[in-house]
Amino acid sequence: MNNIDVRNNVSVIGNGERTLVFAHGFGCDQSMWKYITPSFEEKYRIVLFDYVGSGHSDLKAYQTEKYDSLQGYVQDVLDIIETHELKNIIFIGHSISSMIGMLASIERPEYFDRLIMIGPSPCYLNTDDYHGGFDKSDITELLDMMEMNFAGWASFMAPLAMNNPELPQLSKELERSFISADPVIAREFAEVTFLSDHRKDLSQATVPTLILQCSDDSIVPLEAGEYLHRHLRNSTFQLMEAKGHYPHISHPGETIGFIQDYLQNKGQDETLLEGS
């Protein structure tokens, strides 16, 4: 096993010629895709990984100066693609991984066939002319809570983000994922995530993209998803019935259906992929 596979705990499953790369969001790891991947294993090769600091990645590889922006995570994604000589990949990113995948596609568009973004946001902060969902004071409070009481933050944040009170076990599963992370690294990743603003990068993206926007998402408001769609060329916008920020966990059937529909449209007239 090479160093990059160890660093990012890379695993490859499935049998198809086309490649799906699944990239988890903040506070999670590759196990969060377990309800989704079985539906794609037969027709696709699937690449899963953990960002450094998450899951079973190599914690010794974490460097604050490398990961003080999304660029460090972008480089790791490109390293995985290059190490495994992946081509024409379909990159499926949840939450902040949507922006990581987009930035990687701007840097090396030839590696990517399509992007699928689940609960994406180009910017989480509210400004005078943009609704990202959080004021600066909200983020500061969140980061302070992570620093002072990491377990308390996890138990507060998980049910809020999952937004599925009928299935409390899903919130518990998310809470366990949050709490399993290294607190210092998790807080730094949270800071990079919630203070990032990649609205200016949207005009450089060229790879066709599906945006899956959850309804009643406490992390990403509808306005952020619509903003992304308006400013991202070749984008298709799909509002889901799923509530919360983790539809691949709470509503895997709906999530799988939209991904399959989008991939089956490949090769049709690009005018079907509306967006500007």
C-alpha atoms as a PDB file:
ATOM      1  CA  MET A   1       0.000   0.000   0.000  1.00  0.00           C
ATOM      2  CA  ASN A   2       1.431   3.405  -0.961  1.00  0.00           C
ATOM      3  CA  ASN A   3       1.789   6.405   1.335  1.00  0.00           C
ATOM      4  CA  ILE A   4      -1.212   8.259  -0.070  1.00  0.00           C
ATOM      5  CA  ASP A   5      -3.486   5.236   0.389  1.00  0.00           C
ATOM      6  CA  VAL A   6      -2.327   5.006   4.007  1.00  0.00           C
ATOM      7  CA  ARG A   7      -2.588   8.747   4.570  1.00  0.00           C
ATOM      8  CA  ASN A   8      -6.180   8.904   3.326  1.00  0.00           C
ATOM      9  CA  ASN A   9      -7.256   5.333   4.123  1.00  0.00           C
ATOM     10  CA  VAL A  10      -8.206   4.817   0.465  1.00  0.00           C
ATOM     11  CA  SER A  11     -10.369   1.827  -0.442  1.00  0.00           C
ATOM     12  CA  VAL A  12     -11.479   0.763  -3.919  1.00  0.00           C
ATOM     13  CA  ILE A  13     -14.533  -1.447  -4.465  1.00  0.00           C
ATOM     14  CA  GLY A  14     -16.873  -2.304  -7.326  1.00  0.00           C
ATOM     15  CA  ASN A  15     -16.402  -3.631 -10.830  1.00  0.00           C
ATOM     16  CA  GLY A  16     -17.374  -1.036 -13.411  1.00  0.00           C
ATOM     17  CA  GLU A  17     -15.293   0.830 -15.955  1.00  0.00           C
ATOM     18  CA  ARG A  18     -16.507   4.250 -14.851  1.00  0.00           C
ATOM     19  CA  THR A  19     -15.250   5.590 -11.522  1.00  0.00           C
ATOM     20  CA  LEU A  20     -17.193   7.223  -8.714  1.00  0.00           C
ATOM     21  CA  VAL A  21     -15.167   9.050  -6.062  1.00  0.00           C
ATOM     22  CA  PHE A  22     -17.160   9.596  -2.855  1.00  0.00           C
ATOM     23  CA  ALA A  23     -15.920  12.425  -0.615  1.00  0.00           C
ATOM     24  CA  HIS A  24     -17.368  12.830   2.894  1.00  0.00           C
ATOM     25  CA  GLY A  25     -18.199  16.107   4.612  1.00  0.00           C
ATOM     26  CA  PHE A  26     -16.932  17.741   7.785  1.00  0.00           C
ATOM     27  CA  GLY A  27     -17.178  15.587  10.928  1.00  0.00           C
ATOM     28  CA  CYS A  28     -17.651  12.378   8.952  1.00  0.00           C
ATOM     29  CA  ASP A  29     -15.632   9.674   7.224  1.00  0.00           C
ATOM     30  CA  GLN A  30     -16.108   7.253   4.329  1.00  0.00           C
ATOM     31  CA  SER A  31     -18.393   4.971   6.372  1.00  0.00           C
ATOM     32  CA  MET A  32     -21.148   7.576   5.915  1.00  0.00           C
ATOM     33  CA  TRP A  33     -21.597   6.345   2.329  1.00  0.00           C
ATOM     34  CA  LYS A  34     -22.539   2.806   3.393  1.00  0.00           C
ATOM     35  CA  TYR A  35     -26.223   3.254   2.537  1.00  0.00           C
ATOM     36  CA  ILE A  36     -25.383   4.512  -0.968  1.00  0.00           C
ATOM     37  CA  THR A  37     -22.473   2.498  -2.349  1.00  0.00           C
ATOM     38  CA  PRO A  38     -24.180  -0.937  -2.606  1.00  0.00           C
ATOM     39  CA  SER A  39     -26.443   0.465  -5.342  1.00  0.00           C
ATOM     40  CA  PHE A  40     -23.444   1.392  -7.503  1.00  0.00           C
ATOM     41  CA  GLU A  41     -20.926  -1.407  -6.905  1.00  0.00           C
ATOM     42  CA  GLU A  42     -22.095  -3.562  -9.792  1.00  0.00           C
ATOM     43  CA  LYS A  43     -21.766  -0.915 -12.502  1.00  0.00           C
ATOM     44  CA  TYR A  44     -19.005   1.338 -11.186  1.00  0.00           C
ATOM     45  CA  ARG A  45     -15.583   1.287  -9.619  1.00  0.00           C
ATOM     46  CA  ILE A  46     -15.921   3.158  -6.327  1.00  0.00           C
ATOM     47  CA  VAL A  47     -13.110   5.036  -4.584  1.00  0.00           C
ATOM     48  CA  LEU A  48     -13.610   5.930  -0.915  1.00  0.00           C
ATOM     49  CA  PHE A  49     -11.238   7.808   1.379  1.00  0.00           C
ATOM     50  CA  ASP A  50     -10.942   9.739   4.642  1.00  0.00           C
ATOM     51  CA  TYR A  51      -9.593  13.278   4.808  1.00  0.00           C
ATOM     52  CA  VAL A  52      -6.542  13.579   7.034  1.00  0.00           C
ATOM     53  CA  GLY A  53      -7.849  13.898  10.577  1.00  0.00           C
ATOM     54  CA  SER A  54     -11.011  11.896   9.863  1.00  0.00           C
ATOM     55  CA  GLY A  55     -11.863   8.204  10.143  1.00  0.00           C
ATOM     56  CA  HIS A  56      -8.862   5.906   9.838  1.00  0.00           C
ATOM     57  CA  SER A  57      -6.601   8.392   8.074  1.00  0.00           C
ATOM     58  CA  ASP A  58      -3.009   8.855   9.200  1.00  0.00           C
ATOM     59  CA  LEU A  59      -3.227  11.553  11.885  1.00  0.00           C
ATOM     60  CA  LYS A  60       0.552  11.988  11.768  1.00  0.00           C
ATOM     61  CA  ALA A  61       0.129  13.409   8.252  1.00  0.00           C
ATOM     62  CA  TYR A  62      -1.893  16.367   9.543  1.00  0.00           C
ATOM     63  CA  GLN A  63      -0.168  19.759   9.322  1.00  0.00           C
ATOM     64  CA  THR A  64      -2.006  22.912  10.333  1.00  0.00           C
ATOM     65  CA  GLU A  65      -0.166  24.998   7.743  1.00  0.00           C
ATOM     66  CA  LYS A  66      -1.176  22.620   4.921  1.00  0.00           C
ATOM     67  CA  TYR A  67      -4.817  22.370   5.891  1.00  0.00           C
ATOM     68  CA  ASP A  68      -5.460  25.994   6.861  1.00  0.00           C
ATOM     69  CA  SER A  69      -7.455  26.375   3.642  1.00  0.00           C
ATOM     70  CA  LEU A  70      -9.364  23.988   1.405  1.00  0.00           C
ATOM     71  CA  GLN A  71      -6.359  23.848  -0.916  1.00  0.00           C
ATOM     72  CA  GLY A  72      -4.642  21.217   1.255  1.00  0.00           C
ATOM     73  CA  TYR A  73      -7.689  18.957   0.930  1.00  0.00           C
ATOM     74  CA  VAL A  74      -7.903  19.683  -2.815  1.00  0.00           C
ATOM     75  CA  GLN A  75      -4.298  18.543  -3.214  1.00  0.00           C
ATOM     76  CA  ASP A  76      -5.034  15.301  -1.352  1.00  0.00           C
ATOM     77  CA  VAL A  77      -7.956  14.560  -3.707  1.00  0.00           C
ATOM     78  CA  LEU A  78      -5.706  15.170  -6.724  1.00  0.00           C
ATOM     79  CA  ASP A  79      -3.015  12.943  -5.165  1.00  0.00           C
ATOM     80  CA  ILE A  80      -5.535  10.087  -4.854  1.00  0.00           C
ATOM     81  CA  ILE A  81      -6.722  10.545  -8.445  1.00  0.00           C
ATOM     82  CA  GLU A  82      -3.151  10.602  -9.793  1.00  0.00           C
ATOM     83  CA  THR A  83      -1.932   7.692  -7.672  1.00  0.00           C
ATOM     84  CA  HIS A  84      -4.739   5.465  -8.946  1.00  0.00           C
ATOM     85  CA  GLU A  85      -4.534   6.923 -12.483  1.00  0.00           C
ATOM     86  CA  LEU A  86      -8.241   7.714 -12.451  1.00  0.00           C
ATOM     87  CA  LYS A  87      -9.829   9.274 -15.523  1.00  0.00           C
ATOM     88  CA  ASN A  88     -13.247  10.761 -16.331  1.00  0.00           C
ATOM     89  CA  ILE A  89     -14.312  10.447 -12.725  1.00  0.00           C
ATOM     90  CA  ILE A  90     -17.699  11.297 -11.282  1.00  0.00           C
ATOM     91  CA  PHE A  91     -16.938  13.084  -8.035  1.00  0.00           C
ATOM     92  CA  ILE A  92     -19.710  12.878  -5.429  1.00  0.00           C
ATOM     93  CA  GLY A  93     -19.068  15.305  -2.588  1.00  0.00           C
ATOM     94  CA  HIS A  94     -21.118  15.994   0.516  1.00  0.00           C
ATOM     95  CA  SER A  95     -21.254  19.489   1.988  1.00  0.00           C
ATOM     96  CA  ILE A  96     -17.779  21.118   2.008  1.00  0.00           C
ATOM     97  CA  SER A  97     -16.473  18.302  -0.208  1.00  0.00           C
ATOM     98  CA  SER A  98     -18.611  19.768  -2.987  1.00  0.00           C
ATOM     99  CA  MET A  99     -16.356  22.831  -3.007  1.00  0.00           C
ATOM    100  CA  ILE A 100     -13.213  20.712  -2.605  1.00  0.00           C
ATOM    101  CA  GLY A 101     -14.247  18.687  -5.665  1.00  0.00           C
ATOM    102  CA  MET A 102     -15.100  21.815  -7.636  1.00  0.00           C
ATOM    103  CA  LEU A 103     -11.740  23.434  -6.830  1.00  0.00           C
ATOM    104  CA  ALA A 104      -9.951  20.222  -7.849  1.00  0.00           C
ATOM    105  CA  SER A 105     -11.898  20.224 -11.131  1.00  0.00           C
ATOM    106  CA  ILE A 106     -10.873  23.820 -11.805  1.00  0.00           C
ATOM    107  CA  GLU A 107      -7.233  22.862 -11.283  1.00  0.00           C
ATOM    108  CA  ARG A 108      -7.388  19.642 -13.349  1.00  0.00           C
ATOM    109  CA  PRO A 109     -10.645  19.599 -15.367  1.00  0.00           C
ATOM    110  CA  GLU A 110      -9.366  16.758 -17.552  1.00  0.00           C
ATOM    111  CA  TYR A 111      -9.691  14.325 -14.630  1.00  0.00           C
ATOM    112  CA  PHE A 112     -13.412  14.960 -14.139  1.00  0.00           C
ATOM    113  CA  ASP A 113     -16.477  13.902 -16.093  1.00  0.00           C
ATOM    114  CA  ARG A 114     -19.126  15.186 -13.691  1.00  0.00           C
ATOM    115  CA  LEU A 115     -19.569  16.589 -10.196  1.00  0.00           C
ATOM    116  CA  ILE A 116     -22.461  15.670  -7.925  1.00  0.00           C
ATOM    117  CA  MET A 117     -22.869  17.987  -4.943  1.00  0.00           C
ATOM    118  CA  ILE A 118     -24.975  16.955  -1.946  1.00  0.00           C
ATOM    119  CA  GLY A 119     -25.920  19.845   0.352  1.00  0.00           C
ATOM    120  CA  PRO A 120     -23.294  22.206  -1.113  1.00  0.00           C
ATOM    121  CA  SER A 121     -22.611  25.813  -0.200  1.00  0.00           C
ATOM    122  CA  PRO A 122     -20.128  28.222  -1.768  1.00  0.00           C
ATOM    123  CA  CYS A 123     -20.158  30.343   1.413  1.00  0.00           C
ATOM    124  CA  TYR A 124     -21.721  29.750   4.848  1.00  0.00           C
ATOM    125  CA  LEU A 125     -21.518  33.350   6.052  1.00  0.00           C
ATOM    126  CA  ASN A 126     -24.258  35.936   5.617  1.00  0.00           C
ATOM    127  CA  THR A 127     -23.275  39.184   3.897  1.00  0.00           C
ATOM    128  CA  ASP A 128     -25.278  42.255   2.904  1.00  0.00           C
ATOM    129  CA  ASP A 129     -26.308  40.684  -0.402  1.00  0.00           C
ATOM    130  CA  TYR A 130     -25.997  36.948   0.296  1.00  0.00           C
ATOM    131  CA  HIS A 131     -27.703  34.525   2.692  1.00  0.00           C
ATOM    132  CA  GLY A 132     -25.288  31.772   3.692  1.00  0.00           C
ATOM    133  CA  GLY A 133     -27.095  30.745   6.862  1.00  0.00           C
ATOM    134  CA  PHE A 134     -24.668  31.924   9.565  1.00  0.00           C
ATOM    135  CA  ASP A 135     -23.576  35.243  11.000  1.00  0.00           C
ATOM    136  CA  LYS A 136     -19.903  35.585  11.947  1.00  0.00           C
ATOM    137  CA  SER A 137     -20.923  35.504  15.629  1.00  0.00           C
ATOM    138  CA  ASP A 138     -22.678  32.139  15.073  1.00  0.00           C
ATOM    139  CA  ILE A 139     -19.458  30.634  13.715  1.00  0.00           C
ATOM    140  CA  THR A 140     -17.381  32.079  16.557  1.00  0.00           C
ATOM    141  CA  GLU A 141     -19.819  30.581  19.073  1.00  0.00           C
ATOM    142  CA  LEU A 142     -19.674  27.204  17.337  1.00  0.00           C
ATOM    143  CA  LEU A 143     -15.858  27.173  17.304  1.00  0.00           C
ATOM    144  CA  ASP A 144     -15.680  28.240  20.962  1.00  0.00           C
ATOM    145  CA  MET A 145     -18.082  25.461  21.917  1.00  0.00           C
ATOM    146  CA  MET A 146     -15.946  22.901  20.061  1.00  0.00           C
ATOM    147  CA  GLU A 147     -12.892  24.094  21.965  1.00  0.00           C
ATOM    148  CA  MET A 148     -14.485  24.189  25.420  1.00  0.00           C
ATOM    149  CA  ASN A 149     -16.824  21.195  25.298  1.00  0.00           C
ATOM    150  CA  PHE A 150     -16.296  18.989  22.256  1.00  0.00           C
ATOM    151  CA  ALA A 151     -18.709  16.269  23.408  1.00  0.00           C
ATOM    152  CA  GLY A 152     -21.343  18.886  24.195  1.00  0.00           C
ATOM    153  CA  TRP A 153     -20.918  20.442  20.758  1.00  0.00           C
ATOM    154  CA  ALA A 154     -21.338  17.018  19.108  1.00  0.00           C
ATOM    155  CA  SER A 155     -24.529  16.192  21.009  1.00  0.00           C
ATOM    156  CA  PHE A 156     -25.955  19.649  20.206  1.00  0.00           C
ATOM    157  CA  MET A 157     -24.962  19.725  16.539  1.00  0.00           C
ATOM    158  CA  ALA A 158     -25.847  16.193  15.416  1.00  0.00           C
ATOM    159  CA  PRO A 159     -29.666  16.306  15.815  1.00  0.00           C
ATOM    160  CA  LEU A 160     -29.733  19.868  14.462  1.00  0.00           C
ATOM    161  CA  ALA A 161     -27.855  18.878  11.303  1.00  0.00           C
ATOM    162  CA  MET A 162     -29.639  15.537  10.799  1.00  0.00           C
ATOM    163  CA  ASN A 163     -33.085  17.100  11.331  1.00  0.00           C
ATOM    164  CA  ASN A 164     -34.803  13.731  11.518  1.00  0.00           C
ATOM    165  CA  PRO A 165     -36.508  13.432  14.933  1.00  0.00           C
ATOM    166  CA  GLU A 166     -38.516  10.367  13.790  1.00  0.00           C
ATOM    167  CA  LEU A 167     -35.240   8.416  13.562  1.00  0.00           C
ATOM    168  CA  PRO A 168     -33.144   9.511  16.572  1.00  0.00           C
ATOM    169  CA  GLN A 169     -30.681   6.678  15.954  1.00  0.00           C
ATOM    170  CA  LEU A 170     -29.434   8.571  12.868  1.00  0.00           C
ATOM    171  CA  SER A 171     -28.546  11.590  15.006  1.00  0.00           C
ATOM    172  CA  LYS A 172     -26.762   9.269  17.438  1.00  0.00           C
ATOM    173  CA  GLU A 173     -24.794   7.750  14.569  1.00  0.00           C
ATOM    174  CA  LEU A 174     -23.757  11.227  13.427  1.00  0.00           C
ATOM    175  CA  GLU A 175     -22.871  12.238  16.979  1.00  0.00           C
ATOM    176  CA  ARG A 176     -20.593   9.186  17.288  1.00  0.00           C
ATOM    177  CA  SER A 177     -18.908  10.192  14.051  1.00  0.00           C
ATOM    178  CA  PHE A 178     -18.359  13.751  15.307  1.00  0.00           C
ATOM    179  CA  ILE A 179     -16.980  12.603  18.649  1.00  0.00           C
ATOM    180  CA  SER A 180     -14.584  10.088  17.103  1.00  0.00           C
ATOM    181  CA  ALA A 181     -12.574  12.853  15.436  1.00  0.00           C
ATOM    182  CA  ASP A 182      -9.516  14.491  16.952  1.00  0.00           C
ATOM    183  CA  PRO A 183     -10.955  17.631  18.658  1.00  0.00           C
ATOM    184  CA  VAL A 184      -8.120  19.962  17.628  1.00  0.00           C
ATOM    185  CA  ILE A 185      -8.156  18.861  13.986  1.00  0.00           C
ATOM    186  CA  ALA A 186     -11.971  18.884  13.868  1.00  0.00           C
ATOM    187  CA  ARG A 187     -12.073  22.463  15.125  1.00  0.00           C
ATOM    188  CA  GLU A 188      -9.501  23.580  12.561  1.00  0.00           C
ATOM    189  CA  PHE A 189     -11.444  21.836   9.780  1.00  0.00           C
ATOM    190  CA  ALA A 190     -14.641  23.515  11.031  1.00  0.00           C
ATOM    191  CA  GLU A 191     -12.959  26.914  10.910  1.00  0.00           C
ATOM    192  CA  VAL A 192     -11.693  26.342   7.365  1.00  0.00           C
ATOM    193  CA  THR A 193     -15.127  25.058   6.321  1.00  0.00           C
ATOM    194  CA  PHE A 194     -17.417  27.669   7.810  1.00  0.00           C
ATOM    195  CA  LEU A 195     -15.228  30.696   7.105  1.00  0.00           C
ATOM    196  CA  SER A 196     -14.473  29.724   3.493  1.00  0.00           C
ATOM    197  CA  ASP A 197     -15.924  31.752   0.638  1.00  0.00           C
ATOM    198  CA  HIS A 198     -15.597  30.286  -2.847  1.00  0.00           C
ATOM    199  CA  ARG A 199     -18.201  32.358  -4.659  1.00  0.00           C
ATOM    200  CA  LYS A 200     -15.511  33.984  -6.819  1.00  0.00           C
ATOM    201  CA  ASP A 201     -14.302  30.557  -7.985  1.00  0.00           C
ATOM    202  CA  LEU A 202     -17.666  29.501  -9.413  1.00  0.00           C
ATOM    203  CA  SER A 203     -17.115  31.250 -12.748  1.00  0.00           C
ATOM    204  CA  GLN A 204     -13.988  29.140 -13.379  1.00  0.00           C
ATOM    205  CA  ALA A 205     -15.786  25.793 -13.034  1.00  0.00           C
ATOM    206  CA  THR A 206     -16.611  24.019 -16.300  1.00  0.00           C
ATOM    207  CA  VAL A 207     -17.481  20.425 -15.357  1.00  0.00           C
ATOM    208  CA  PRO A 208     -21.222  19.542 -15.573  1.00  0.00           C
ATOM    209  CA  THR A 209     -22.658  19.489 -12.049  1.00  0.00           C
ATOM    210  CA  LEU A 210     -25.726  18.180 -10.251  1.00  0.00           C
ATOM    211  CA  ILE A 211     -26.716  20.159  -7.137  1.00  0.00           C
ATOM    212  CA  LEU A 212     -28.830  18.179  -4.668  1.00  0.00           C
ATOM    213  CA  GLN A 213     -30.396  20.675  -2.273  1.00  0.00           C
ATOM    214  CA  CYS A 214     -32.130  19.350   0.841  1.00  0.00           C
ATOM    215  CA  SER A 215     -35.332  20.956   2.019  1.00  0.00           C
ATOM    216  CA  ASP A 216     -35.266  22.432   5.527  1.00  0.00           C
ATOM    217  CA  ASP A 217     -31.473  22.166   5.811  1.00  0.00           C
ATOM    218  CA  SER A 218     -30.238  23.877   8.992  1.00  0.00           C
ATOM    219  CA  ILE A 219     -26.693  24.154   7.584  1.00  0.00           C
ATOM    220  CA  VAL A 220     -27.330  25.260   3.985  1.00  0.00           C
ATOM    221  CA  PRO A 221     -30.367  27.456   3.266  1.00  0.00           C
ATOM    222  CA  LEU A 222     -32.198  27.158  -0.038  1.00  0.00           C
ATOM    223  CA  GLU A 223     -30.871  30.569  -1.106  1.00  0.00           C
ATOM    224  CA  ALA A 224     -27.271  29.276  -0.989  1.00  0.00           C
ATOM    225  CA  GLY A 225     -28.094  26.332  -3.248  1.00  0.00           C
ATOM    226  CA  GLU A 226     -29.967  28.572  -5.684  1.00  0.00           C
ATOM    227  CA  TYR A 227     -27.057  31.035  -5.711  1.00  0.00           C
ATOM    228  CA  LEU A 228     -24.697  28.184  -6.551  1.00  0.00           C
ATOM    229  CA  HIS A 229     -26.949  27.054  -9.411  1.00  0.00           C
ATOM    230  CA  ARG A 230     -27.223  30.559 -10.864  1.00  0.00           C
ATOM    231  CA  HIS A 231     -23.461  31.083 -10.884  1.00  0.00           C
ATOM    232  CA  LEU A 232     -22.293  27.598 -11.870  1.00  0.00           C
ATOM    233  CA  ARG A 233     -22.291  26.845 -15.582  1.00  0.00           C
ATOM    234  CA  ASN A 234     -23.637  23.465 -16.732  1.00  0.00           C
ATOM    235  CA  SER A 235     -25.385  22.935 -13.421  1.00  0.00           C
ATOM    236  CA  THR A 236     -28.621  21.071 -12.756  1.00  0.00           C
ATOM    237  CA  PHE A 237     -30.539  21.924  -9.583  1.00  0.00           C
ATOM    238  CA  GLN A 238     -32.679  19.370  -7.764  1.00  0.00           C
ATOM    239  CA  LEU A 239     -34.637  20.195  -4.615  1.00  0.00           C
ATOM    240  CA  MET A 240     -35.057  17.048  -2.540  1.00  0.00           C
ATOM    241  CA  GLU A 241     -37.910  16.056  -0.285  1.00  0.00           C
ATOM    242  CA  ALA A 242     -35.277  14.942   2.223  1.00  0.00           C
ATOM    243  CA  LYS A 243     -34.914  17.236   5.212  1.00  0.00           C
ATOM    244  CA  GLY A 244     -31.680  17.944   7.014  1.00  0.00           C
ATOM    245  CA  HIS A 245     -28.091  18.021   5.805  1.00  0.00           C
ATOM    246  CA  TYR A 246     -27.348  14.289   5.407  1.00  0.00           C
ATOM    247  CA  PRO A 247     -29.774  12.836   2.825  1.00  0.00           C
ATOM    248  CA  HIS A 248     -27.354  10.014   1.956  1.00  0.00           C
ATOM    249  CA  ILE A 249     -27.932   8.784   5.535  1.00  0.00           C
ATOM    250  CA  SER A 250     -31.524   9.819   6.247  1.00  0.00           C
ATOM    251  CA  HIS A 251     -32.987   9.392   2.739  1.00  0.00           C
ATOM    252  CA  PRO A 252     -30.635   7.088   0.820  1.00  0.00           C
ATOM    253  CA  GLY A 253     -33.326   5.915  -1.616  1.00  0.00           C
ATOM    254  CA  GLU A 254     -34.109   9.417  -2.843  1.00  0.00           C
ATOM    255  CA  THR A 255     -30.409  10.292  -3.009  1.00  0.00           C
ATOM    256  CA  ILE A 256     -29.571   7.161  -5.027  1.00  0.00           C
ATOM    257  CA  GLY A 257     -32.482   7.811  -7.390  1.00  0.00           C
ATOM    258  CA  PHE A 258     -31.365  11.343  -8.272  1.00  0.00           C
ATOM    259  CA  ILE A 259     -27.746  10.280  -8.774  1.00  0.00           C
ATOM    260  CA  GLN A 260     -28.767   7.379 -11.035  1.00  0.00           C
ATOM    261  CA  ASP A 261     -31.119   9.573 -13.068  1.00  0.00           C
ATOM    262  CA  TYR A 262     -28.405  12.159 -13.587  1.00  0.00           C
ATOM    263  CA  LEU A 263     -25.781   9.612 -14.622  1.00  0.00           C
ATOM    264  CA  GLN A 264     -28.159   7.919 -17.045  1.00  0.00           C
ATOM    265  CA  ASN A 265     -28.661  11.246 -18.812  1.00  0.00           C
ATOM    266  CA  LYS A 266     -24.992  11.232 -19.785  1.00  0.00           C
ATOM    267  CA  GLY A 267     -24.574  11.538 -23.495  1.00  0.00           C
ATOM    268  CA  GLN A 268     -27.854  13.334 -24.066  1.00  0.00           C
ATOM    269  CA  ASP A 269     -27.991  16.846 -25.405  1.00  0.00           C
ATOM    270  CA  GLU A 270     -26.198  19.154 -22.968  1.00  0.00           C
ATOM    271  CA  THR A 271     -29.098  21.613 -23.263  1.00  0.00           C
ATOM    272  CA  LEU A 272     -30.827  19.341 -20.770  1.00  0.00           C
ATOM    273  CA  LEU A 273     -28.284  20.471 -18.197  1.00  0.00           C
ATOM    274  CA  GLU A 274     -29.640  23.901 -17.550  1.00  0.00           C
ATOM    275  CA  GLY A 275     -27.685  26.416 -15.548  1.00  0.00           C
ATOM    276  CA  SER A 276     -25.692  29.513 -16.055  1.00  0.00           C
END
